[in-house]
Amino acid sequence: MFLKIAIMNNSGNVGKSMICDNLLKPRIPTVETIKIETINSNGTLDETVSAKNIKRVFDLIDSSDVAVIDVGASNIETFMENLSKLKGAHEDIDFFFIPTTPKSKQQIDTISTVEGLLNLGVDENQIKLIFNFHDNDLTVEQYYPLIFESELKSILKLDKKENIFTITDNPVFDMLGEMGTSFIDIANDERDFKSMIRASKDKTERSILSHQRSAQRLAKGFIEELDMTFLKIKNACELEFEGANNGK
């Protein structure tokens, strides 16, 4: 199987790396991650390459059968320029996932990002918005009004439920930042927190264990949400994997 997915937005802080590391990588078998960024600042072992190094960028893309390309905001302008210079280069990428958030600037930048891709000749069916930090108490139309008031609503067929992919804002990442623990580690933590809390006589230790248990519960619930979001994306993109956790 050959599959190349680029995750990008002209804006930063839209959750590109979270979507790459926690939504896509665990559910796409044999996937390789290519981070188009000047500096690898997230502590992973994924190879990081600057968009200016155009030869290396496309060498990495072409050498992988299945790859997720995480384009950092500091490199997206150069990446888009390279796609423009290399006629037909955008055709090497099967899908462009554009995460967005409710903030007005991010919504405006999302519209600009999609328009840039369309101007390159990318087919609208290859562009998928991911509505990150969503609040389930509101509709996507209410929470991301600038996008739904724009032409993207009709271009990307956002009036159809099968094209709406949401990820809610989850406090687990704030907790993990305070605890110095990774999402994967806490999600896979199988300790019996109930017994450990009851066995401890130290209130400070109990408090630490309680926070760890809360983070674990949030992480497991978030994984279930990501499973459902991935299943929707997989169906919309008509992707089929063998031996994968497809969110079922």
Protein backbone atom coordinates (compact mmCIF):
# COMPACT_ATOMS: atom_id res chain seq x y z
CA MET A 1 0.00 0.00 0.00
CA PHE A 2 1.12 3.54 -0.79
CA LEU A 3 -0.27 6.47 1.19
CA LYS A 4 1.09 9.97 1.84
CA ILE A 5 -0.74 12.36 4.17
CA ALA A 6 0.42 15.94 4.81
CA ILE A 7 -0.73 17.69 7.98
CA MET A 8 -0.44 21.45 7.67
CA ASN A 9 -1.84 24.88 8.43
CA ASN A 10 -0.45 28.38 7.96
CA SER A 11 -1.11 28.83 11.68
CA GLY A 12 0.77 27.26 14.54
CA ASN A 13 -0.83 25.82 17.68
CA VAL A 14 -3.58 23.94 15.86
CA GLY A 15 -2.54 20.48 17.07
CA LYS A 16 -0.70 19.15 14.02
CA SER A 17 1.80 17.08 15.99
CA MET A 18 -0.88 15.74 18.35
CA ILE A 19 -2.91 14.59 15.36
CA CYS A 20 0.17 13.06 13.79
CA ASP A 21 1.46 11.32 16.92
CA ASN A 22 -1.78 10.35 18.68
CA LEU A 23 -4.44 10.07 15.98
CA LEU A 24 -2.67 8.77 12.88
CA LYS A 25 0.55 6.98 13.86
CA PRO A 26 -1.03 4.44 16.25
CA ARG A 27 -3.71 3.51 13.68
CA ILE A 28 -1.86 3.37 10.36
CA PRO A 29 0.41 0.32 10.05
CA THR A 30 4.02 0.71 8.85
CA VAL A 31 3.63 4.49 8.80
CA GLU A 32 6.73 6.69 8.86
CA THR A 33 6.69 10.27 10.10
CA ILE A 34 8.45 13.08 8.25
CA LYS A 35 8.63 16.31 10.20
CA ILE A 36 9.19 19.35 8.00
CA GLU A 37 10.62 21.66 10.62
CA THR A 38 13.81 23.57 11.18
CA ILE A 39 14.39 22.06 14.63
CA ASN A 40 13.06 18.86 16.18
CA SER A 41 11.65 20.24 19.42
CA ASN A 42 9.19 17.53 20.44
CA GLY A 43 11.65 14.95 21.74
CA THR A 44 10.78 12.22 19.24
CA LEU A 45 13.19 10.21 17.11
CA ASP A 46 11.39 11.17 13.91
CA GLU A 47 13.69 12.65 11.32
CA THR A 48 13.35 16.40 11.00
CA VAL A 49 14.22 18.21 7.80
CA SER A 50 13.94 21.85 6.78
CA ALA A 51 11.62 22.65 3.87
CA LYS A 52 14.56 24.52 2.33
CA ASN A 53 16.29 21.18 1.79
CA ILE A 54 13.93 20.37 -1.06
CA LYS A 55 15.94 17.39 -2.28
CA ARG A 56 15.91 15.68 1.12
CA VAL A 57 12.21 16.45 1.68
CA PHE A 58 11.08 14.66 -1.44
CA ASP A 59 13.67 11.93 -1.02
CA LEU A 60 12.05 11.10 2.35
CA ILE A 61 8.56 11.28 0.88
CA ASP A 62 9.46 9.02 -2.05
CA SER A 63 11.42 6.51 0.04
CA SER A 64 8.41 5.77 2.26
CA ASP A 65 5.45 3.64 1.20
CA VAL A 66 3.22 5.05 3.94
CA ALA A 67 4.08 8.41 5.46
CA VAL A 68 2.60 11.23 7.48
CA ILE A 69 4.23 14.57 6.66
CA ASP A 70 3.99 16.98 9.60
CA VAL A 71 4.65 20.44 8.15
CA GLY A 72 5.61 22.94 10.84
CA ALA A 73 4.15 26.45 10.66
CA SER A 74 7.66 27.93 10.35
CA ASN A 75 8.27 25.87 7.21
CA ILE A 76 4.89 25.83 5.48
CA GLU A 77 5.54 28.88 3.29
CA THR A 78 8.71 27.34 1.88
CA PHE A 79 7.01 23.94 1.56
CA MET A 80 4.18 25.48 -0.47
CA GLU A 81 6.67 27.39 -2.64
CA ASN A 82 8.46 24.11 -3.38
CA LEU A 83 5.19 22.43 -4.32
CA SER A 84 4.57 25.31 -6.69
CA LYS A 85 8.06 25.20 -8.25
CA LEU A 86 7.98 21.44 -8.73
CA LYS A 87 5.11 21.11 -11.15
CA GLY A 88 2.92 18.18 -10.21
CA ALA A 89 4.69 17.60 -6.87
CA HIS A 90 1.41 17.97 -4.99
CA GLU A 91 0.21 14.84 -6.79
CA ASP A 92 2.71 12.79 -4.73
CA ILE A 93 0.59 13.50 -1.64
CA ASP A 94 -2.74 11.68 -1.39
CA PHE A 95 -4.42 13.78 1.29
CA PHE A 96 -3.89 17.12 2.99
CA PHE A 97 -5.27 17.24 6.53
CA ILE A 98 -5.78 20.78 7.83
CA PRO A 99 -6.34 21.02 11.59
CA THR A 100 -8.08 24.16 12.78
CA THR A 101 -9.21 25.65 16.08
CA PRO A 102 -12.06 27.98 17.09
CA LYS A 103 -9.76 31.03 17.31
CA SER A 104 -10.48 33.58 14.60
CA LYS A 105 -6.87 33.81 13.40
CA GLN A 106 -6.59 30.05 13.03
CA GLN A 107 -9.86 29.91 11.10
CA ILE A 108 -8.67 32.68 8.75
CA ASP A 109 -5.33 30.93 8.27
CA THR A 110 -7.16 27.66 7.62
CA ILE A 111 -9.13 29.27 4.81
CA SER A 112 -5.89 30.69 3.40
CA THR A 113 -4.17 27.28 3.61
CA VAL A 114 -6.97 25.54 1.72
CA GLU A 115 -7.08 28.29 -0.91
CA GLY A 116 -3.33 27.90 -1.42
CA LEU A 117 -3.70 24.17 -1.97
CA LEU A 118 -6.58 24.64 -4.39
CA ASN A 119 -4.52 27.17 -6.35
CA LEU A 120 -1.78 24.55 -6.66
CA GLY A 121 -4.27 22.22 -8.29
CA VAL A 122 -5.02 19.95 -5.32
CA ASP A 123 -8.40 18.28 -5.72
CA GLU A 124 -10.91 19.39 -3.09
CA ASN A 125 -11.64 15.75 -2.25
CA GLN A 126 -8.04 15.38 -1.07
CA ILE A 127 -8.38 18.19 1.49
CA LYS A 128 -9.87 17.33 4.88
CA LEU A 129 -10.43 19.75 7.74
CA ILE A 130 -10.04 18.47 11.30
CA PHE A 131 -11.92 20.64 13.79
CA ASN A 132 -9.64 20.51 16.82
CA PHE A 133 -10.44 21.74 20.36
CA HIS A 134 -14.14 21.34 19.60
CA ASP A 135 -16.82 21.89 22.24
CA ASN A 136 -19.58 19.29 21.94
CA ASP A 137 -22.07 21.70 23.52
CA LEU A 138 -21.97 23.69 20.27
CA THR A 139 -22.30 22.76 16.62
CA VAL A 140 -19.27 23.07 14.38
CA GLU A 141 -21.10 25.88 12.55
CA GLN A 142 -21.38 27.79 15.84
CA TYR A 143 -17.83 27.08 16.99
CA TYR A 144 -16.05 27.69 13.66
CA PRO A 145 -18.29 30.35 12.06
CA LEU A 146 -15.69 31.96 9.79
CA ILE A 147 -15.07 28.66 8.02
CA PHE A 148 -18.75 27.88 7.56
CA GLU A 149 -19.45 31.41 6.32
CA SER A 150 -16.74 31.01 3.69
CA GLU A 151 -16.75 29.19 0.37
CA LEU A 152 -15.07 26.23 2.05
CA LYS A 153 -18.45 25.00 3.24
CA SER A 154 -19.49 24.16 -0.30
CA ILE A 155 -16.03 23.41 -1.72
CA LEU A 156 -15.22 20.81 0.96
CA LYS A 157 -18.84 19.64 1.27
CA LEU A 158 -18.95 20.51 4.96
CA ASP A 159 -22.73 20.32 4.92
CA LYS A 160 -22.36 16.53 4.98
CA LYS A 161 -21.77 14.87 8.36
CA GLU A 162 -19.33 12.36 6.89
CA ASN A 163 -16.95 15.23 6.12
CA ILE A 164 -16.94 16.66 9.65
CA PHE A 165 -14.04 15.37 11.78
CA THR A 166 -13.83 16.72 15.32
CA ILE A 167 -11.48 16.32 18.26
CA THR A 168 -12.54 17.83 21.57
CA ASP A 169 -10.36 19.86 23.87
CA ASN A 170 -9.03 17.45 26.47
CA PRO A 171 -7.39 18.54 29.76
CA VAL A 172 -5.16 15.45 29.76
CA PHE A 173 -2.38 17.26 27.92
CA ASP A 174 -2.25 20.07 30.47
CA MET A 175 -2.06 17.45 33.22
CA LEU A 176 0.71 15.56 31.42
CA GLY A 177 2.70 18.78 31.04
CA GLU A 178 2.56 19.29 34.79
CA MET A 179 3.40 15.64 35.49
CA GLY A 180 6.20 15.33 32.94
CA THR A 181 4.63 12.17 31.51
CA SER A 182 3.89 11.28 27.89
CA PHE A 183 0.41 10.52 26.58
CA ILE A 184 1.41 7.00 25.55
CA ASP A 185 2.97 6.22 28.92
CA ILE A 186 -0.04 7.28 30.95
CA ALA A 187 -2.51 5.60 28.57
CA ASN A 188 -0.60 2.32 28.92
CA ASP A 189 -0.20 2.60 32.69
CA GLU A 190 -1.96 -0.47 34.10
CA ARG A 191 -1.19 0.08 37.76
CA ASP A 192 -4.02 -0.53 40.23
CA PHE A 193 -4.38 3.06 41.40
CA LYS A 194 -7.33 2.27 43.65
CA SER A 195 -5.34 -0.23 45.70
CA MET A 196 -2.24 1.98 45.72
CA ILE A 197 -4.18 4.99 47.00
CA ARG A 198 -5.84 2.98 49.74
CA ALA A 199 -2.54 1.42 50.75
CA SER A 200 -0.73 4.74 51.08
CA LYS A 201 -0.75 6.62 54.38
CA ASP A 202 0.95 9.68 52.88
CA LYS A 203 -1.45 12.40 51.68
CA THR A 204 1.09 13.80 49.22
CA GLU A 205 1.61 10.39 47.64
CA ARG A 206 -2.13 9.87 47.49
CA SER A 207 -2.52 13.19 45.71
CA ILE A 208 0.13 12.27 43.13
CA LEU A 209 -1.48 8.89 42.52
CA SER A 210 -4.91 10.48 42.23
CA HIS A 211 -3.65 12.90 39.56
CA GLN A 212 -2.02 10.03 37.68
CA ARG A 213 -5.24 8.00 37.79
CA SER A 214 -7.28 10.97 36.52
CA ALA A 215 -4.82 11.48 33.67
CA GLN A 216 -4.95 7.78 32.83
CA ARG A 217 -8.75 7.83 32.71
CA LEU A 218 -8.77 10.95 30.54
CA ALA A 219 -6.20 9.38 28.20
CA LYS A 220 -8.20 6.17 27.79
CA GLY A 221 -11.37 8.13 27.08
CA PHE A 222 -9.50 10.29 24.58
CA ILE A 223 -8.20 7.20 22.79
CA GLU A 224 -11.79 6.01 22.33
CA GLU A 225 -12.70 9.42 20.86
CA LEU A 226 -9.70 9.30 18.51
CA ASP A 227 -10.75 5.79 17.44
CA MET A 228 -14.12 7.13 16.32
CA THR A 229 -12.61 10.17 14.59
CA PHE A 230 -10.11 7.99 12.75
CA LEU A 231 -12.85 5.62 11.63
CA LYS A 232 -14.74 8.55 10.10
CA ILE A 233 -11.59 9.77 8.34
CA LYS A 234 -10.78 6.27 7.11
CA ASN A 235 -14.25 5.87 5.64
CA ALA A 236 -14.30 9.33 4.07
CA CYS A 237 -10.89 8.76 2.45
CA GLU A 238 -11.78 5.18 1.54
CA LEU A 239 -8.66 3.80 3.24
CA GLU A 240 -8.19 0.12 3.95
CA PHE A 241 -5.48 -1.30 6.18
CA GLU A 242 -4.59 -4.86 7.05
CA GLY A 243 -3.84 -5.70 10.65
CA ALA A 244 -4.54 -2.15 11.85
CA ASN A 245 -6.45 -0.63 14.72
CA ASN A 246 -8.99 1.09 12.49
CA GLY A 247 -11.01 2.54 15.28
CA LYS A 248 -13.44 -0.32 15.34
